[in-house]
Amino acid sequence: MQSPDSLDRPGSTLRITRPDDWHLHLRDGDALAWTVPWSAAQFARAIVMPNLKPPVVDTAQALAYRERVLAARPAGADFQPLMTLYLTDRTPPAEIARARASGAVFGVKLYPAGATTNSDSGVTDLRHVHGVLEAMQREGMPLLVHGEVTDPEVDVFDREAVFLERHLQPIRRDFPGLKIVLEHITTAQAVDFVLAHDARDARGAPLLGATLTAHHLLHNRNSMFRGGLRPHYYCLPVLKRETHRRRLVEAACSGDARFFLGTDSAPHARGAKEADCGCAGCFSAMHALELYAQAFEQAGCLQRLEGFASHFGADFYGLPRNAGSIELRRQDWEVPQRLDYLDGEIVPVDAGVRLGWRAVASAAPQQQA
């Protein structure tokens, strides 16, 4: 990788190990013809979220979904979807052994019921899933956590911090060998929680890690209200205060292997976002690497991007680092205002904003025939 000084020159390039996306929504059906090529253009692998309608609750469904994703890859693409199961109150502990034996399932997602998009079938009480968590600890299957409480008396901006104290701390105590990813963290409290837990597995990899999105590194909650209501910056967990954003950037730039890339790219058609009750989720798959490069460069830590984007997640999951590379070129360009999606349009996060880096293979793919 180039030195930071060399990156200051116009026309310079940055070549990094091909990255992976450790938290991605691809949707299903016709949407895959758009979403899979967008991610395959930049990422070698992705942890694919299971919150479909109906959700992916067992290994057979995960394998079938994987085949649909693979069928949507562009010709010549080697993108690999890493599948997950959706944890419910009724998930049988025996399903974890089946998932591990499949070789295709890499995590089980905990959605507190009602916490986010398509989470109505999520867990209503953690006591219902203690048997499953024991099985996951035994099998070495990671628990992927959407860390928010859904108590209506808790302010939406406090739901992550309350979840850590109320629920994640007891999980950590009761299942000390369970591998956990705290997904798309948004608060200083979440950063501190991860830093306070440095237990390791037999390989020496952390037992607790966290993914960080580009939009949470680049934006605070003011972005949702700048000049009016901006629905395409609405996501869950919501953007937080500037003090929290700065702590997230510090974590991402720290070189600490417990923090790694997860876009949480969540595609919704424009009409579903710009509605009386707009959907939560920011779409970033088309230009994710450029957004991360922007965030790291603004923080003066571009030399740390490769570890965060390409090394730490693979190490956490016990997978080999990718052999290939991807090139980012210093180039001013404007994020499109709209992209074709399904029978309408989708609005990417930071639409109309000028970015200073361009991934060589990041142009939005055309829909497959």
Protein backbone atom coordinates (compact mmCIF):
# COMPACT_ATOMS: atom_id res chain seq x y z
CA MET A 1 0.00 0.00 0.00
CA GLN A 2 1.20 3.55 -0.72
CA SER A 3 2.44 5.85 2.00
CA PRO A 4 0.03 8.60 3.13
CA ASP A 5 2.26 11.27 1.55
CA SER A 6 2.00 9.68 -1.89
CA LEU A 7 -1.79 9.83 -1.68
CA ASP A 8 -1.75 13.63 -1.60
CA ARG A 9 -0.68 13.88 -5.22
CA PRO A 10 -3.34 14.44 -7.91
CA GLY A 11 -3.97 11.30 -9.92
CA SER A 12 -2.62 8.99 -7.23
CA THR A 13 -4.10 5.57 -6.64
CA LEU A 14 -4.68 3.39 -3.63
CA ARG A 15 -4.56 -0.39 -4.08
CA ILE A 16 -5.86 -2.54 -1.24
CA THR A 17 -6.61 -6.20 -0.73
CA ARG A 18 -10.05 -6.89 -2.14
CA PRO A 19 -12.48 -6.09 0.69
CA ASP A 20 -15.52 -7.89 2.11
CA ASP A 21 -18.82 -6.53 3.35
CA TRP A 22 -19.65 -8.04 6.74
CA HIS A 23 -23.23 -6.73 6.89
CA LEU A 24 -25.33 -6.49 3.72
CA HIS A 25 -28.98 -6.56 2.65
CA LEU A 26 -29.59 -7.96 -0.83
CA ARG A 27 -33.38 -8.47 -0.66
CA ASP A 28 -34.79 -11.25 -2.84
CA GLY A 29 -36.60 -12.01 -6.07
CA ASP A 30 -36.28 -9.47 -8.88
CA ALA A 31 -34.25 -7.13 -6.65
CA LEU A 32 -31.25 -9.48 -6.80
CA ALA A 33 -30.63 -8.56 -10.45
CA TRP A 34 -29.64 -5.10 -9.18
CA THR A 35 -28.30 -5.63 -5.68
CA VAL A 36 -25.93 -8.53 -6.34
CA PRO A 37 -24.02 -6.84 -9.20
CA TRP A 38 -23.66 -3.63 -7.18
CA SER A 39 -21.97 -5.46 -4.31
CA ALA A 40 -20.02 -7.87 -6.53
CA ALA A 41 -18.35 -4.89 -8.23
CA GLN A 42 -16.53 -3.96 -5.02
CA PHE A 43 -16.61 -6.88 -2.58
CA ALA A 44 -15.40 -10.47 -2.73
CA ARG A 45 -17.72 -11.76 0.00
CA ALA A 46 -20.60 -10.49 2.08
CA ILE A 47 -22.51 -11.56 5.17
CA VAL A 48 -26.07 -11.56 3.81
CA MET A 49 -28.85 -10.57 6.19
CA PRO A 50 -31.84 -12.94 6.55
CA ASN A 51 -34.70 -10.48 7.15
CA LEU A 52 -36.70 -11.37 4.05
CA LYS A 53 -40.45 -11.86 3.83
CA PRO A 54 -40.74 -14.58 5.10
CA PRO A 55 -37.43 -14.58 7.00
CA VAL A 56 -34.66 -17.13 6.48
CA VAL A 57 -35.08 -19.20 9.64
CA ASP A 58 -33.43 -22.54 8.83
CA THR A 59 -30.50 -23.99 6.94
CA ALA A 60 -32.54 -25.27 4.00
CA GLN A 61 -33.97 -21.79 3.40
CA ALA A 62 -30.48 -20.25 3.70
CA LEU A 63 -29.08 -22.65 1.10
CA ALA A 64 -31.95 -21.94 -1.28
CA TYR A 65 -31.47 -18.19 -0.84
CA ARG A 66 -27.74 -18.61 -1.50
CA GLU A 67 -28.49 -20.29 -4.82
CA ARG A 68 -30.72 -17.38 -5.83
CA VAL A 69 -27.95 -14.92 -4.98
CA LEU A 70 -25.37 -16.91 -6.93
CA ALA A 71 -27.69 -17.05 -9.93
CA ALA A 72 -27.85 -13.24 -9.96
CA ARG A 73 -24.07 -12.73 -10.19
CA PRO A 74 -22.84 -11.06 -13.37
CA ALA A 75 -20.95 -13.28 -15.80
CA GLY A 76 -17.41 -13.81 -14.54
CA ALA A 77 -18.06 -12.51 -11.03
CA ASP A 78 -16.77 -14.60 -8.11
CA PHE A 79 -18.73 -12.83 -5.37
CA GLN A 80 -19.53 -15.23 -2.51
CA PRO A 81 -22.58 -14.77 -0.27
CA LEU A 82 -22.06 -15.89 3.34
CA MET A 83 -25.47 -16.81 4.66
CA THR A 84 -27.14 -16.19 8.02
CA LEU A 85 -30.18 -17.44 9.90
CA TYR A 86 -32.89 -15.29 11.47
CA LEU A 87 -33.18 -16.03 15.18
CA THR A 88 -36.74 -16.42 16.50
CA ASP A 89 -38.28 -17.43 19.81
CA ARG A 90 -38.83 -20.88 18.27
CA THR A 91 -35.44 -21.59 16.68
CA PRO A 92 -34.48 -25.14 17.71
CA PRO A 93 -30.95 -25.54 19.12
CA ALA A 94 -30.40 -28.50 16.77
CA GLU A 95 -30.61 -26.11 13.80
CA ILE A 96 -27.25 -24.62 14.76
CA ALA A 97 -25.39 -27.88 14.18
CA ARG A 98 -27.12 -28.25 10.80
CA ALA A 99 -26.15 -24.69 9.89
CA ARG A 100 -22.53 -25.21 10.86
CA ALA A 101 -22.32 -28.50 8.98
CA SER A 102 -23.64 -26.88 5.81
CA GLY A 103 -20.47 -24.83 5.37
CA ALA A 104 -22.60 -22.00 3.98
CA VAL A 105 -24.06 -20.40 7.13
CA PHE A 106 -21.72 -18.06 9.00
CA GLY A 107 -23.90 -16.42 11.64
CA VAL A 108 -27.28 -16.15 13.31
CA LYS A 109 -28.92 -12.72 13.41
CA LEU A 110 -30.62 -11.43 16.53
CA TYR A 111 -33.31 -8.87 15.77
CA PRO A 112 -35.25 -7.72 18.82
CA ALA A 113 -38.85 -7.98 17.62
CA GLY A 114 -39.88 -4.72 15.93
CA ALA A 115 -36.42 -3.15 15.99
CA THR A 116 -36.02 -2.56 12.25
CA THR A 117 -37.17 -3.55 8.74
CA ASN A 118 -38.82 -7.00 8.63
CA SER A 119 -38.02 -7.72 12.29
CA ASP A 120 -41.54 -8.59 13.44
CA SER A 121 -40.57 -12.27 13.77
CA GLY A 122 -37.57 -11.43 15.95
CA VAL A 123 -36.84 -12.39 19.53
CA THR A 124 -39.32 -11.13 22.13
CA ASP A 125 -37.40 -12.30 25.20
CA LEU A 126 -33.77 -13.48 25.33
CA ARG A 127 -34.75 -16.19 27.83
CA HIS A 128 -36.51 -17.94 24.93
CA VAL A 129 -33.24 -18.44 23.05
CA HIS A 130 -30.79 -19.46 25.80
CA GLY A 131 -30.70 -23.02 24.44
CA VAL A 132 -29.84 -21.72 20.98
CA LEU A 133 -27.11 -19.45 22.35
CA GLU A 134 -25.60 -22.41 24.20
CA ALA A 135 -25.57 -24.38 20.94
CA MET A 136 -23.97 -21.45 19.10
CA GLN A 137 -21.27 -21.15 21.75
CA ARG A 138 -20.58 -24.88 21.43
CA GLU A 139 -20.49 -24.83 17.61
CA GLY A 140 -18.52 -21.59 17.30
CA MET A 141 -21.37 -19.93 15.40
CA PRO A 142 -21.30 -16.10 15.68
CA LEU A 143 -24.29 -14.17 17.00
CA LEU A 144 -24.89 -11.05 14.90
CA VAL A 145 -26.72 -8.47 16.99
CA HIS A 146 -28.97 -5.58 16.04
CA GLY A 147 -28.34 -3.82 19.33
CA GLU A 148 -31.43 -1.78 20.13
CA VAL A 149 -34.23 -2.12 22.62
CA THR A 150 -37.77 -1.65 21.38
CA ASP A 151 -39.29 -0.36 24.62
CA PRO A 152 -41.48 2.60 23.54
CA GLU A 153 -40.50 4.48 26.70
CA VAL A 154 -36.84 4.56 25.62
CA ASP A 155 -35.88 7.47 23.37
CA VAL A 156 -34.92 6.35 19.86
CA PHE A 157 -31.49 7.96 20.27
CA ASP A 158 -30.83 5.96 23.47
CA ARG A 159 -31.94 2.52 22.34
CA GLU A 160 -28.48 1.22 21.51
CA ALA A 161 -26.93 2.30 24.81
CA VAL A 162 -29.83 0.79 26.79
CA PHE A 163 -29.54 -2.49 24.86
CA LEU A 164 -25.87 -2.82 25.77
CA GLU A 165 -26.60 -2.49 29.47
CA ARG A 166 -29.85 -4.43 29.60
CA HIS A 167 -29.18 -7.28 27.21
CA LEU A 168 -25.71 -7.56 25.72
CA GLN A 169 -23.90 -7.39 29.04
CA PRO A 170 -25.91 -10.38 30.38
CA ILE A 171 -25.32 -12.34 27.15
CA ARG A 172 -21.59 -11.71 27.45
CA ARG A 173 -21.70 -12.83 31.11
CA ASP A 174 -23.82 -15.96 30.58
CA PHE A 175 -22.11 -17.11 27.36
CA PRO A 176 -18.46 -16.05 27.73
CA GLY A 177 -17.30 -18.22 24.82
CA LEU A 178 -19.95 -17.00 22.36
CA LYS A 179 -18.62 -15.10 19.37
CA ILE A 180 -20.59 -11.87 18.90
CA VAL A 181 -20.69 -9.11 16.30
CA LEU A 182 -22.37 -5.91 17.44
CA GLU A 183 -23.66 -4.69 14.11
CA HIS A 184 -23.63 -1.15 12.69
CA ILE A 185 -22.66 0.52 15.97
CA THR A 186 -23.64 4.18 16.33
CA THR A 187 -22.60 5.37 19.80
CA ALA A 188 -19.58 6.04 21.98
CA GLN A 189 -21.08 3.57 24.45
CA ALA A 190 -20.90 0.80 21.85
CA VAL A 191 -17.26 1.60 21.08
CA ASP A 192 -16.45 1.52 24.79
CA PHE A 193 -18.34 -1.77 25.23
CA VAL A 194 -16.26 -3.45 22.53
CA LEU A 195 -13.01 -2.04 23.89
CA ALA A 196 -13.85 -3.29 27.37
CA HIS A 197 -14.20 -6.92 26.21
CA ASP A 198 -11.00 -8.39 24.82
CA ALA A 199 -11.64 -12.13 25.25
CA ARG A 200 -10.15 -14.25 22.47
CA ASP A 201 -10.99 -17.57 20.84
CA ALA A 202 -8.58 -20.48 20.39
CA ARG A 203 -7.13 -18.83 17.27
CA GLY A 204 -6.45 -15.62 19.15
CA ALA A 205 -9.22 -13.78 17.29
CA PRO A 206 -11.56 -11.51 19.26
CA LEU A 207 -14.78 -13.00 20.62
CA LEU A 208 -16.49 -9.61 20.33
CA GLY A 209 -16.32 -7.38 17.26
CA ALA A 210 -18.32 -4.58 15.67
CA THR A 211 -19.18 -3.42 12.17
CA LEU A 212 -19.22 0.24 11.14
CA THR A 213 -21.14 1.75 8.24
CA ALA A 214 -19.86 4.51 5.97
CA HIS A 215 -22.92 6.67 6.61
CA HIS A 216 -22.42 6.55 10.38
CA LEU A 217 -18.77 7.55 9.90
CA LEU A 218 -19.63 10.46 7.62
CA HIS A 219 -22.86 11.83 9.11
CA ASN A 220 -24.48 12.86 12.35
CA ARG A 221 -28.19 13.27 12.96
CA ASN A 222 -28.21 16.80 11.52
CA SER A 223 -28.00 15.20 8.08
CA MET A 224 -31.56 13.93 8.44
CA PHE A 225 -32.87 17.48 8.86
CA ARG A 226 -30.57 19.63 6.72
CA GLY A 227 -32.83 22.07 4.86
CA GLY A 228 -35.85 19.84 5.47
CA LEU A 229 -36.57 16.18 6.19
CA ARG A 230 -34.06 13.95 4.36
CA PRO A 231 -35.54 10.43 4.30
CA HIS A 232 -32.58 8.84 2.53
CA TYR A 233 -30.45 9.42 5.65
CA TYR A 234 -33.00 7.65 7.85
CA CYS A 235 -31.71 4.30 9.04
CA LEU A 236 -31.90 2.11 12.13
CA PRO A 237 -30.09 2.57 14.38
CA VAL A 238 -30.52 6.25 13.57
CA LEU A 239 -27.65 8.67 13.10
CA LYS A 240 -26.51 10.12 16.41
CA ARG A 241 -24.84 13.28 17.75
CA GLU A 242 -21.52 14.55 16.39
CA THR A 243 -19.72 13.40 19.55
CA HIS A 244 -20.76 9.82 18.78
CA ARG A 245 -19.75 10.08 15.11
CA ARG A 246 -16.27 11.19 16.14
CA ARG A 247 -15.89 8.19 18.45
CA LEU A 248 -16.91 5.87 15.62
CA VAL A 249 -14.28 7.43 13.37
CA GLU A 250 -11.66 7.01 16.10
CA ALA A 251 -12.57 3.33 16.39
CA ALA A 252 -12.45 2.76 12.63
CA CYS A 253 -9.10 4.53 12.34
CA SER A 254 -7.57 2.91 15.42
CA GLY A 255 -6.25 -0.18 13.69
CA ASP A 256 -8.02 -2.27 16.33
CA ALA A 257 -9.02 -5.55 14.67
CA ARG A 258 -12.31 -5.64 16.58
CA PHE A 259 -13.75 -2.96 14.27
CA PHE A 260 -14.36 -3.77 10.61
CA LEU A 261 -16.42 -2.86 7.56
CA GLY A 262 -20.12 -3.61 7.29
CA THR A 263 -22.06 -1.34 4.95
CA ASP A 264 -25.57 -2.22 6.17
CA SER A 265 -26.53 -1.17 2.65
CA ALA A 266 -30.32 -1.49 2.68
CA PRO A 267 -32.02 -0.94 -0.68
CA HIS A 268 -35.54 0.51 -0.73
CA ALA A 269 -37.26 1.88 -3.80
CA ARG A 270 -37.56 5.67 -3.80
CA GLY A 271 -41.30 5.53 -3.17
CA ALA A 272 -40.84 3.39 -0.08
CA LYS A 273 -38.44 5.94 1.41
CA GLU A 274 -40.33 9.08 0.39
CA ALA A 275 -43.62 7.97 1.95
CA ASP A 276 -45.93 8.81 4.85
CA CYS A 277 -44.14 6.07 6.81
CA GLY A 278 -40.77 5.79 5.10
CA CYS A 279 -38.62 2.67 5.37
CA ALA A 280 -35.40 2.72 7.38
CA GLY A 281 -32.16 2.04 5.54
CA CYS A 282 -29.40 3.76 3.58
CA PHE A 283 -28.38 2.37 0.21
CA SER A 284 -24.60 2.50 -0.25
CA ALA A 285 -23.54 -0.70 -2.05
CA MET A 286 -22.95 1.09 -5.36
CA HIS A 287 -20.28 3.43 -3.92
CA ALA A 288 -19.43 2.00 -0.51
CA LEU A 289 -15.64 1.95 -0.87
CA GLU A 290 -15.57 5.54 -2.08
CA LEU A 291 -17.60 6.61 0.95
CA TYR A 292 -15.29 4.79 3.33
CA ALA A 293 -12.22 6.26 1.60
CA GLN A 294 -13.76 9.72 2.01
CA ALA A 295 -14.34 9.14 5.72
CA PHE A 296 -10.85 7.78 6.34
CA GLU A 297 -9.18 10.55 4.34
CA GLN A 298 -11.13 13.25 6.19
CA ALA A 299 -9.89 11.72 9.44
CA GLY A 300 -6.29 11.61 8.20
CA CYS A 301 -6.04 7.82 8.48
CA LEU A 302 -6.32 6.57 4.89
CA GLN A 303 -3.41 4.23 5.56
CA ARG A 304 -5.69 2.30 7.96
CA LEU A 305 -8.44 1.64 5.40
CA GLU A 306 -7.05 -1.67 4.15
CA GLY A 307 -6.99 -3.36 7.55
CA PHE A 308 -10.51 -2.16 8.36
CA ALA A 309 -11.97 -3.05 4.95
CA SER A 310 -10.00 -6.11 3.90
CA HIS A 311 -8.31 -7.88 6.81
CA PHE A 312 -10.03 -7.61 10.19
CA GLY A 313 -13.42 -9.05 9.26
CA ALA A 314 -11.92 -12.11 7.58
CA ASP A 315 -9.68 -12.67 10.59
CA PHE A 316 -12.64 -12.39 12.98
CA TYR A 317 -14.67 -14.98 11.05
CA GLY A 318 -11.69 -17.30 10.65
CA LEU A 319 -11.67 -17.01 6.86
CA PRO A 320 -8.65 -16.46 4.60
CA ARG A 321 -7.96 -12.93 3.47
CA ASN A 322 -8.72 -12.36 -0.19
CA ALA A 323 -5.89 -12.86 -2.66
CA GLY A 324 -7.00 -10.19 -5.14
CA SER A 325 -6.96 -6.41 -4.88
CA ILE A 326 -9.03 -3.41 -5.87
CA GLU A 327 -7.84 0.03 -6.90
CA LEU A 328 -9.17 3.37 -5.74
CA ARG A 329 -8.21 6.32 -7.93
CA ARG A 330 -8.17 9.91 -6.82
CA GLN A 331 -10.97 11.35 -8.95
CA ASP A 332 -13.72 13.90 -8.35
CA TRP A 333 -17.15 12.59 -9.28
CA GLU A 334 -20.74 13.14 -8.26
CA VAL A 335 -22.92 10.46 -6.71
CA PRO A 336 -25.95 9.94 -9.00
CA GLN A 337 -29.22 11.48 -7.86
CA ARG A 338 -31.16 8.38 -8.94
CA LEU A 339 -30.49 4.84 -10.15
CA ASP A 340 -32.81 2.41 -11.88
CA TYR A 341 -34.17 -0.20 -9.48
CA LEU A 342 -36.93 -2.75 -10.04
CA ASP A 343 -39.72 -0.89 -11.88
CA GLY A 344 -38.71 2.49 -10.47
CA GLU A 345 -35.74 4.22 -8.86
CA ILE A 346 -33.47 4.06 -5.85
CA VAL A 347 -31.65 7.00 -4.24
CA PRO A 348 -28.11 6.29 -3.03
CA VAL A 349 -26.92 7.82 0.22
CA ASP A 350 -25.15 11.15 -0.43
CA ALA A 351 -26.89 11.55 -3.79
CA GLY A 352 -25.53 14.61 -5.56
CA VAL A 353 -22.46 14.85 -3.30
CA ARG A 354 -18.99 15.08 -4.86
CA LEU A 355 -16.55 12.42 -3.72
CA GLY A 356 -12.79 12.39 -4.20
CA TRP A 357 -12.09 8.69 -4.78
CA ARG A 358 -13.37 6.26 -7.38
CA ALA A 359 -13.11 2.48 -7.25
CA VAL A 360 -12.09 1.13 -10.63
CA ALA A 361 -14.97 -1.37 -10.82
CA SER A 362 -17.57 0.71 -9.00
CA ALA A 363 -19.76 1.92 -11.87
CA ALA A 364 -23.37 0.85 -11.28
CA PRO A 365 -23.96 -2.40 -13.16
CA GLN A 366 -26.78 -2.72 -15.62
CA GLN A 367 -29.64 -5.08 -14.88
CA GLN A 368 -28.96 -8.57 -16.11
CA ALA A 369 -30.96 -9.82 -19.06
